[in-house]
Amino acid sequence: MRKSKKPLTRSDVDGSSAGESLPTCRAETPYAICGFVYTAAKHGVDIMTVIRDALLGRAWIPPDPAPV
């Protein structure tokens, strides 16, 4: 239980201090998700199905490229 009456700050919530940058995984995660969704859409797969299946542990994998 907090005894202080001051409002919560970002450092109270995630433990970071002033001048400390966010961990790399937090910064890159949205880009990885976007890349995953855009690649699936490019292959003609329904985006909502891809997201639902990924959340259920059945991540979509693009097909192997055709042999040359």
PDB file of N, CA and C in Angstrom:
ATOM      1  N   MET A   1       0.847  -1.181   0.000  1.00  0.00           N
ATOM      2  CA  MET A   1       0.000   0.000   0.000  1.00  0.00           C
ATOM      3  C   MET A   1       0.882   1.230   0.000  1.00  0.00           C
ATOM      4  N   ARG A   2       0.591   2.171  -0.849  1.00  0.00           N
ATOM      5  CA  ARG A   2       1.353   3.416  -0.927  1.00  0.00           C
ATOM      6  C   ARG A   2       0.903   4.368   0.158  1.00  0.00           C
ATOM      7  N   LYS A   3       1.878   4.969   0.852  1.00  0.00           N
ATOM      8  CA  LYS A   3       1.541   5.936   1.886  1.00  0.00           C
ATOM      9  C   LYS A   3       1.612   7.356   1.364  1.00  0.00           C
ATOM     10  N   SER A   4       2.323   7.550   0.249  1.00  0.00           N
ATOM     11  CA  SER A   4       2.505   8.886  -0.309  1.00  0.00           C
ATOM     12  C   SER A   4       1.238   9.342  -1.032  1.00  0.00           C
ATOM     13  N   LYS A   5       0.974  10.642  -0.996  1.00  0.00           N
ATOM     14  CA  LYS A   5      -0.190  11.205  -1.669  1.00  0.00           C
ATOM     15  C   LYS A   5       0.134  11.702  -3.071  1.00  0.00           C
ATOM     16  N   LYS A   6       1.429  11.657  -3.468  1.00  0.00           N
ATOM     17  CA  LYS A   6       1.798  12.164  -4.794  1.00  0.00           C
ATOM     18  C   LYS A   6       1.307  11.194  -5.870  1.00  0.00           C
ATOM     19  N   PRO A   7       1.031  11.700  -7.079  1.00  0.00           N
ATOM     20  CA  PRO A   7       0.551  10.822  -8.154  1.00  0.00           C
ATOM     21  C   PRO A   7       1.652   9.877  -8.624  1.00  0.00           C
ATOM     22  N   LEU A   8       1.236   8.750  -9.169  1.00  0.00           N
ATOM     23  CA  LEU A   8       2.185   7.784  -9.705  1.00  0.00           C
ATOM     24  C   LEU A   8       2.900   8.357 -10.918  1.00  0.00           C
ATOM     25  N   THR A   9       4.181   8.055 -11.037  1.00  0.00           N
ATOM     26  CA  THR A   9       4.954   8.461 -12.208  1.00  0.00           C
ATOM     27  C   THR A   9       5.407   7.215 -12.946  1.00  0.00           C
ATOM     28  N   ARG A  10       5.987   7.418 -14.125  1.00  0.00           N
ATOM     29  CA  ARG A  10       6.461   6.296 -14.915  1.00  0.00           C
ATOM     30  C   ARG A  10       7.510   5.491 -14.150  1.00  0.00           C
ATOM     31  N   SER A  11       8.396   6.163 -13.439  1.00  0.00           N
ATOM     32  CA  SER A  11       9.438   5.448 -12.703  1.00  0.00           C
ATOM     33  C   SER A  11       8.849   4.627 -11.559  1.00  0.00           C
ATOM     34  N   ASP A  12       7.717   5.070 -10.992  1.00  0.00           N
ATOM     35  CA  ASP A  12       7.058   4.284  -9.957  1.00  0.00           C
ATOM     36  C   ASP A  12       6.513   2.979 -10.534  1.00  0.00           C
ATOM     37  N   VAL A  13       6.053   3.043 -11.770  1.00  0.00           N
ATOM     38  CA  VAL A  13       5.407   1.898 -12.385  1.00  0.00           C
ATOM     39  C   VAL A  13       6.405   0.900 -12.947  1.00  0.00           C
ATOM     40  N   ASP A  14       7.378   1.377 -13.746  1.00  0.00           N
ATOM     41  CA  ASP A  14       8.271   0.425 -14.411  1.00  0.00           C
ATOM     42  C   ASP A  14       9.701   0.436 -13.887  1.00  0.00           C
ATOM     43  N   GLY A  15       9.983   1.208 -12.859  1.00  0.00           N
ATOM     44  CA  GLY A  15      11.290   1.185 -12.247  1.00  0.00           C
ATOM     45  C   GLY A  15      12.365   1.964 -12.970  1.00  0.00           C
ATOM     46  N   SER A  16      12.018   2.687 -14.026  1.00  0.00           N
ATOM     47  CA  SER A  16      13.038   3.440 -14.748  1.00  0.00           C
ATOM     48  C   SER A  16      13.260   4.790 -14.079  1.00  0.00           C
ATOM     49  N   SER A  17      14.432   5.341 -14.288  1.00  0.00           N
ATOM     50  CA  SER A  17      14.730   6.656 -13.735  1.00  0.00           C
ATOM     51  C   SER A  17      14.945   7.647 -14.867  1.00  0.00           C
ATOM     52  N   ALA A  18      15.032   8.900 -14.540  1.00  0.00           N
ATOM     53  CA  ALA A  18      15.200   9.946 -15.552  1.00  0.00           C
ATOM     54  C   ALA A  18      16.451   9.688 -16.369  1.00  0.00           C
ATOM     55  N   GLY A  19      16.333   9.796 -17.694  1.00  0.00           N
ATOM     56  CA  GLY A  19      17.464   9.604 -18.583  1.00  0.00           C
ATOM     57  C   GLY A  19      17.723   8.157 -18.957  1.00  0.00           C
ATOM     58  N   GLU A  20      17.010   7.247 -18.377  1.00  0.00           N
ATOM     59  CA  GLU A  20      17.202   5.830 -18.682  1.00  0.00           C
ATOM     60  C   GLU A  20      16.314   5.464 -19.864  1.00  0.00           C
ATOM     61  N   SER A  21      16.902   4.859 -20.880  1.00  0.00           N
ATOM     62  CA  SER A  21      16.117   4.514 -22.063  1.00  0.00           C
ATOM     63  C   SER A  21      15.349   3.217 -21.833  1.00  0.00           C
ATOM     64  N   LEU A  22      14.311   3.010 -22.630  1.00  0.00           N
ATOM     65  CA  LEU A  22      13.510   1.800 -22.542  1.00  0.00           C
ATOM     66  C   LEU A  22      14.309   0.608 -23.051  1.00  0.00           C
ATOM     67  N   PRO A  23      14.058  -0.564 -22.536  1.00  0.00           N
ATOM     68  CA  PRO A  23      14.735  -1.751 -23.049  1.00  0.00           C
ATOM     69  C   PRO A  23      14.418  -1.949 -24.532  1.00  0.00           C
ATOM     70  N   THR A  24      15.340  -2.536 -25.257  1.00  0.00           N
ATOM     71  CA  THR A  24      15.183  -2.731 -26.692  1.00  0.00           C
ATOM     72  C   THR A  24      13.948  -3.545 -27.032  1.00  0.00           C
ATOM     73  N   CYS A  25      13.654  -4.560 -26.255  1.00  0.00           N
ATOM     74  CA  CYS A  25      12.519  -5.413 -26.581  1.00  0.00           C
ATOM     75  C   CYS A  25      11.204  -4.635 -26.579  1.00  0.00           C
ATOM     76  N   ARG A  26      11.062  -3.678 -25.708  1.00  0.00           N
ATOM     77  CA  ARG A  26       9.832  -2.878 -25.683  1.00  0.00           C
ATOM     78  C   ARG A  26       9.726  -1.994 -26.913  1.00  0.00           C
ATOM     79  N   ALA A  27      10.833  -1.456 -27.369  1.00  0.00           N
ATOM     80  CA  ALA A  27      10.809  -0.542 -28.506  1.00  0.00           C
ATOM     81  C   ALA A  27      10.589  -1.294 -29.817  1.00  0.00           C
ATOM     82  N   GLU A  28      11.103  -2.511 -29.939  1.00  0.00           N
ATOM     83  CA  GLU A  28      11.026  -3.255 -31.190  1.00  0.00           C
ATOM     84  C   GLU A  28       9.766  -4.097 -31.326  1.00  0.00           C
ATOM     85  N   THR A  29       9.105  -4.412 -30.247  1.00  0.00           N
ATOM     86  CA  THR A  29       7.949  -5.303 -30.292  1.00  0.00           C
ATOM     87  C   THR A  29       6.837  -4.816 -31.217  1.00  0.00           C
ATOM     88  N   PRO A  30       6.415  -3.541 -31.160  1.00  0.00           N
ATOM     89  CA  PRO A  30       5.350  -3.109 -32.079  1.00  0.00           C
ATOM     90  C   PRO A  30       5.735  -3.266 -33.550  1.00  0.00           C
ATOM     91  N   TYR A  31       7.014  -3.045 -33.874  1.00  0.00           N
ATOM     92  CA  TYR A  31       7.452  -3.187 -35.255  1.00  0.00           C
ATOM     93  C   TYR A  31       7.436  -4.648 -35.688  1.00  0.00           C
ATOM     94  N   ALA A  32       7.776  -5.545 -34.793  1.00  0.00           N
ATOM     95  CA  ALA A  32       7.746  -6.972 -35.111  1.00  0.00           C
ATOM     96  C   ALA A  32       6.307  -7.429 -35.360  1.00  0.00           C
ATOM     97  N   ILE A  33       5.381  -6.948 -34.542  1.00  0.00           N
ATOM     98  CA  ILE A  33       3.970  -7.313 -34.716  1.00  0.00           C
ATOM     99  C   ILE A  33       3.453  -6.774 -36.038  1.00  0.00           C
ATOM    100  N   CYS A  34       3.775  -5.517 -36.351  1.00  0.00           N
ATOM    101  CA  CYS A  34       3.335  -4.920 -37.614  1.00  0.00           C
ATOM    102  C   CYS A  34       3.907  -5.678 -38.801  1.00  0.00           C
ATOM    103  N   GLY A  35       5.175  -6.023 -38.731  1.00  0.00           N
ATOM    104  CA  GLY A  35       5.799  -6.772 -39.820  1.00  0.00           C
ATOM    105  C   GLY A  35       5.143  -8.125 -40.023  1.00  0.00           C
ATOM    106  N   PHE A  36       4.823  -8.790 -38.932  1.00  0.00           N
ATOM    107  CA  PHE A  36       4.156 -10.089 -38.982  1.00  0.00           C
ATOM    108  C   PHE A  36       2.792  -9.965 -39.646  1.00  0.00           C
ATOM    109  N   VAL A  37       2.015  -8.963 -39.237  1.00  0.00           N
ATOM    110  CA  VAL A  37       0.667  -8.769 -39.780  1.00  0.00           C
ATOM    111  C   VAL A  37       0.725  -8.348 -41.245  1.00  0.00           C
ATOM    112  N   TYR A  38       1.617  -7.429 -41.604  1.00  0.00           N
ATOM    113  CA  TYR A  38       1.721  -6.970 -42.994  1.00  0.00           C
ATOM    114  C   TYR A  38       2.160  -8.100 -43.922  1.00  0.00           C
ATOM    115  N   THR A  39       3.077  -8.949 -43.450  1.00  0.00           N
ATOM    116  CA  THR A  39       3.522 -10.075 -44.271  1.00  0.00           C
ATOM    117  C   THR A  39       2.374 -11.048 -44.513  1.00  0.00           C
ATOM    118  N   ALA A  40       1.596 -11.318 -43.490  1.00  0.00           N
ATOM    119  CA  ALA A  40       0.444 -12.214 -43.651  1.00  0.00           C
ATOM    120  C   ALA A  40      -0.567 -11.618 -44.628  1.00  0.00           C
ATOM    121  N   ALA A  41      -0.825 -10.319 -44.513  1.00  0.00           N
ATOM    122  CA  ALA A  41      -1.766  -9.660 -45.424  1.00  0.00           C
ATOM    123  C   ALA A  41      -1.255  -9.708 -46.861  1.00  0.00           C
ATOM    124  N   LYS A  42       0.040  -9.549 -47.038  1.00  0.00           N
ATOM    125  CA  LYS A  42       0.639  -9.592 -48.372  1.00  0.00           C
ATOM    126  C   LYS A  42       0.428 -10.969 -49.012  1.00  0.00           C
ATOM    127  N   HIS A  43       0.349 -12.008 -48.180  1.00  0.00           N
ATOM    128  CA  HIS A  43       0.122 -13.364 -48.676  1.00  0.00           C
ATOM    129  C   HIS A  43      -1.358 -13.699 -48.766  1.00  0.00           C
ATOM    130  N   GLY A  44      -2.232 -12.712 -48.535  1.00  0.00           N
ATOM    131  CA  GLY A  44      -3.665 -12.907 -48.700  1.00  0.00           C
ATOM    132  C   GLY A  44      -4.366 -13.563 -47.527  1.00  0.00           C
ATOM    133  N   VAL A  45      -3.742 -13.578 -46.378  1.00  0.00           N
ATOM    134  CA  VAL A  45      -4.351 -14.185 -45.191  1.00  0.00           C
ATOM    135  C   VAL A  45      -5.121 -13.113 -44.424  1.00  0.00           C
ATOM    136  N   ASP A  46      -6.284 -13.476 -43.884  1.00  0.00           N
ATOM    137  CA  ASP A  46      -7.099 -12.536 -43.112  1.00  0.00           C
ATOM    138  C   ASP A  46      -6.343 -12.090 -41.861  1.00  0.00           C
ATOM    139  N   ILE A  47      -6.211 -10.790 -41.677  1.00  0.00           N
ATOM    140  CA  ILE A  47      -5.412 -10.228 -40.590  1.00  0.00           C
ATOM    141  C   ILE A  47      -5.959 -10.617 -39.219  1.00  0.00           C
ATOM    142  N   MET A  48      -7.261 -10.532 -39.047  1.00  0.00           N
ATOM    143  CA  MET A  48      -7.842 -10.860 -37.736  1.00  0.00           C
ATOM    144  C   MET A  48      -7.626 -12.339 -37.393  1.00  0.00           C
ATOM    145  N   THR A  49      -7.684 -13.205 -38.392  1.00  0.00           N
ATOM    146  CA  THR A  49      -7.433 -14.627 -38.162  1.00  0.00           C
ATOM    147  C   THR A  49      -5.990 -14.846 -37.735  1.00  0.00           C
ATOM    148  N   VAL A  50      -5.061 -14.135 -38.388  1.00  0.00           N
ATOM    149  CA  VAL A  50      -3.642 -14.259 -38.049  1.00  0.00           C
ATOM    150  C   VAL A  50      -3.388 -13.816 -36.610  1.00  0.00           C
ATOM    151  N   ILE A  51      -3.979 -12.683 -36.218  1.00  0.00           N
ATOM    152  CA  ILE A  51      -3.786 -12.181 -34.858  1.00  0.00           C
ATOM    153  C   ILE A  51      -4.389 -13.141 -33.837  1.00  0.00           C
ATOM    154  N   ARG A  52      -5.615 -13.602 -34.104  1.00  0.00           N
ATOM    155  CA  ARG A  52      -6.273 -14.541 -33.180  1.00  0.00           C
ATOM    156  C   ARG A  52      -5.463 -15.821 -33.034  1.00  0.00           C
ATOM    157  N   ASP A  53      -5.030 -16.391 -34.164  1.00  0.00           N
ATOM    158  CA  ASP A  53      -4.259 -17.629 -34.112  1.00  0.00           C
ATOM    159  C   ASP A  53      -2.933 -17.433 -33.385  1.00  0.00           C
ATOM    160  N   ALA A  54      -2.284 -16.280 -33.576  1.00  0.00           N
ATOM    161  CA  ALA A  54      -1.020 -16.012 -32.875  1.00  0.00           C
ATOM    162  C   ALA A  54      -1.242 -15.945 -31.366  1.00  0.00           C
ATOM    163  N   LEU A  55      -2.331 -15.326 -30.946  1.00  0.00           N
ATOM    164  CA  LEU A  55      -2.636 -15.240 -29.516  1.00  0.00           C
ATOM    165  C   LEU A  55      -2.977 -16.603 -28.921  1.00  0.00           C
ATOM    166  N   LEU A  56      -3.464 -17.497 -29.765  1.00  0.00           N
ATOM    167  CA  LEU A  56      -3.805 -18.845 -29.312  1.00  0.00           C
ATOM    168  C   LEU A  56      -2.622 -19.812 -29.435  1.00  0.00           C
ATOM    169  N   GLY A  57      -1.467 -19.303 -29.876  1.00  0.00           N
ATOM    170  CA  GLY A  57      -0.279 -20.138 -29.965  1.00  0.00           C
ATOM    171  C   GLY A  57      -0.097 -20.846 -31.288  1.00  0.00           C
ATOM    172  N   ARG A  58      -0.873 -20.456 -32.291  1.00  0.00           N
ATOM    173  CA  ARG A  58      -0.762 -21.076 -33.613  1.00  0.00           C
ATOM    174  C   ARG A  58      -0.313 -20.012 -34.620  1.00  0.00           C
ATOM    175  N   ALA A  59       0.899 -19.540 -34.465  1.00  0.00           N
ATOM    176  CA  ALA A  59       1.403 -18.448 -35.304  1.00  0.00           C
ATOM    177  C   ALA A  59       1.459 -18.863 -36.772  1.00  0.00           C
ATOM    178  N   TRP A  60       1.071 -17.934 -37.652  1.00  0.00           N
ATOM    179  CA  TRP A  60       1.116 -18.152 -39.087  1.00  0.00           C
ATOM    180  C   TRP A  60       2.558 -18.098 -39.562  1.00  0.00           C
ATOM    181  N   ILE A  61       2.909 -18.996 -40.468  1.00  0.00           N
ATOM    182  CA  ILE A  61       4.239 -19.022 -41.052  1.00  0.00           C
ATOM    183  C   ILE A  61       4.088 -18.900 -42.558  1.00  0.00           C
ATOM    184  N   PRO A  62       4.820 -17.987 -43.198  1.00  0.00           N
ATOM    185  CA  PRO A  62       4.699 -17.849 -44.644  1.00  0.00           C
ATOM    186  C   PRO A  62       5.156 -19.121 -45.348  1.00  0.00           C
ATOM    187  N   PRO A  63       4.581 -19.400 -46.535  1.00  0.00           N
ATOM    188  CA  PRO A  63       4.983 -20.602 -47.265  1.00  0.00           C
ATOM    189  C   PRO A  63       6.423 -20.480 -47.752  1.00  0.00           C
ATOM    190  N   ASP A  64       7.047 -21.632 -47.973  1.00  0.00           N
ATOM    191  CA  ASP A  64       8.401 -21.643 -48.518  1.00  0.00           C
ATOM    192  C   ASP A  64       8.360 -21.062 -49.936  1.00  0.00           C
ATOM    193  N   PRO A  65       9.400 -20.336 -50.328  1.00  0.00           N
ATOM    194  CA  PRO A  65       9.437 -19.804 -51.689  1.00  0.00           C
ATOM    195  C   PRO A  65       9.514 -20.952 -52.710  1.00  0.00           C
ATOM    196  N   ALA A  66       8.974 -20.685 -53.884  1.00  0.00           N
ATOM    197  CA  ALA A  66       8.996 -21.697 -54.937  1.00  0.00           C
ATOM    198  C   ALA A  66      10.434 -21.952 -55.387  1.00  0.00           C
ATOM    199  N   PRO A  67      10.767 -23.200 -55.654  1.00  0.00           N
ATOM    200  CA  PRO A  67      12.136 -23.487 -56.115  1.00  0.00           C
ATOM    201  C   PRO A  67      12.385 -22.864 -57.486  1.00  0.00           C
ATOM    202  N   VAL A  68      13.617 -22.476 -57.700  1.00  0.00           N
ATOM    203  CA  VAL A  68      13.955 -21.804 -58.969  1.00  0.00           C
ATOM    204  C   VAL A  68      14.509 -22.792 -59.942  1.00  0.00           C
TER     205      VAL A  68
END
